[in-house]
Amino acid sequence: MAAGPGAVGAAQAAALYRSAGTPAPEAEDAAGGFGAAMHRAMQGAVELGRSADATATQALSGQGSVTDVVMAVARAELALQTAVAVRDRVVAAYQDVMRMPI
């Protein structure tokens, strides 16, 4: 299966989890299942976006550096790309299941 332009590799996803300060999904127990894992991932992505906004606001007020802003925005962008890639894969899997003959 070829990776599309919006696909994110496993190494990038692992880097996202490390930078977000959340444990990788393999390290967590299976309690809660896929839905709970997706919910935690979305919460992490939203928090990264909020962090990027706060960092940009601090830089605009002269209290932060441009480097911090770039890093925060890059983390938020990677989180969004990961969420979109997972969503695309889930939709594709659903469509494959719906095409299966009964």
Protein backbone atom coordinates (compact mmCIF):
# COMPACT_ATOMS: atom_id res chain seq x y z
CA MET A 1 0.00 0.00 0.00
CA ALA A 2 1.60 3.27 -1.11
CA ALA A 3 1.63 6.26 1.19
CA GLY A 4 -0.22 9.30 -0.11
CA PRO A 5 0.95 12.89 0.18
CA GLY A 6 -0.86 13.33 3.51
CA ALA A 7 0.26 10.01 5.00
CA VAL A 8 2.38 10.11 8.12
CA GLY A 9 5.00 7.48 8.86
CA ALA A 10 5.25 5.50 12.07
CA ALA A 11 8.42 7.33 13.08
CA GLN A 12 6.68 10.70 12.71
CA ALA A 13 3.69 9.48 14.72
CA ALA A 14 6.00 8.22 17.47
CA ALA A 15 7.78 11.59 17.47
CA LEU A 16 4.41 13.31 17.81
CA TYR A 17 3.54 11.24 20.88
CA ARG A 18 6.92 11.93 22.44
CA SER A 19 6.69 15.68 21.78
CA ALA A 20 3.14 15.81 23.13
CA GLY A 21 4.26 14.16 26.35
CA THR A 22 1.76 11.32 25.96
CA PRO A 23 2.73 7.67 26.02
CA ALA A 24 2.66 5.81 22.72
CA PRO A 25 -0.44 3.65 22.18
CA GLU A 26 1.63 0.46 22.42
CA ALA A 27 2.60 1.41 25.96
CA GLU A 28 -1.00 1.74 27.08
CA ASP A 29 -3.23 -1.15 27.99
CA ALA A 30 -6.14 -2.06 25.74
CA ALA A 31 -8.79 -0.89 28.21
CA GLY A 32 -11.08 1.50 26.38
CA GLY A 33 -10.35 0.21 22.89
CA PHE A 34 -9.93 2.06 19.64
CA GLY A 35 -12.53 4.76 20.39
CA ALA A 36 -10.83 5.76 23.62
CA ALA A 37 -7.43 5.84 21.92
CA MET A 38 -8.83 8.07 19.17
CA HIS A 39 -10.41 10.34 21.77
CA ARG A 40 -7.08 10.71 23.60
CA ALA A 41 -5.28 11.39 20.32
CA MET A 42 -7.78 14.08 19.37
CA GLN A 43 -7.49 15.70 22.79
CA GLY A 44 -3.71 15.71 22.37
CA ALA A 45 -4.01 17.32 18.93
CA VAL A 46 -6.33 20.01 20.25
CA GLU A 47 -3.98 20.72 23.15
CA LEU A 48 -1.03 21.01 20.74
CA GLY A 49 -3.04 23.53 18.70
CA ARG A 50 -3.84 25.54 21.81
CA SER A 51 -0.21 25.41 22.86
CA ALA A 52 0.86 26.70 19.43
CA ASP A 53 -1.63 29.56 19.73
CA ALA A 54 -0.39 30.46 23.19
CA THR A 55 3.26 30.33 22.08
CA ALA A 56 2.50 32.58 19.09
CA THR A 57 0.70 35.05 21.34
CA GLN A 58 3.68 35.13 23.71
CA ALA A 59 6.06 35.75 20.82
CA LEU A 60 3.90 38.58 19.51
CA SER A 61 3.95 40.22 22.92
CA GLY A 62 7.76 39.91 23.05
CA GLN A 63 7.89 37.16 25.69
CA GLY A 64 8.76 34.22 23.43
CA SER A 65 11.10 33.33 20.64
CA VAL A 66 10.37 32.66 17.00
CA THR A 67 12.01 29.26 17.33
CA ASP A 68 9.49 28.24 19.99
CA VAL A 69 6.64 29.35 17.74
CA VAL A 70 7.96 27.39 14.78
CA MET A 71 8.40 24.24 16.88
CA ALA A 72 4.92 24.54 18.42
CA VAL A 73 3.28 25.10 15.04
CA ALA A 74 5.20 22.16 13.56
CA ARG A 75 3.98 19.90 16.38
CA ALA A 76 0.39 21.05 15.85
CA GLU A 77 0.69 20.54 12.09
CA LEU A 78 2.07 17.02 12.57
CA ALA A 79 -0.81 16.20 14.92
CA LEU A 80 -3.31 17.41 12.34
CA GLN A 81 -1.63 15.43 9.54
CA THR A 82 -1.67 12.33 11.72
CA ALA A 83 -5.37 12.77 12.51
CA VAL A 84 -6.21 13.22 8.83
CA ALA A 85 -4.15 10.16 7.85
CA VAL A 86 -5.89 8.00 10.47
CA ARG A 87 -9.29 9.32 9.41
CA ASP A 88 -8.54 8.52 5.77
CA ARG A 89 -7.47 5.00 6.66
CA VAL A 90 -10.59 4.40 8.78
CA VAL A 91 -12.88 5.68 6.01
CA ALA A 92 -11.09 3.51 3.43
CA ALA A 93 -11.42 0.45 5.68
CA TYR A 94 -15.12 1.16 6.21
CA GLN A 95 -15.65 1.50 2.45
CA ASP A 96 -13.82 -1.81 1.85
CA VAL A 97 -16.04 -3.55 4.38
CA MET A 98 -19.18 -2.09 2.81
CA ARG A 99 -18.10 -3.37 -0.64
CA MET A 100 -17.71 -6.94 0.60
CA PRO A 101 -20.33 -9.39 -0.62
CA ILE A 102 -22.45 -11.00 2.02
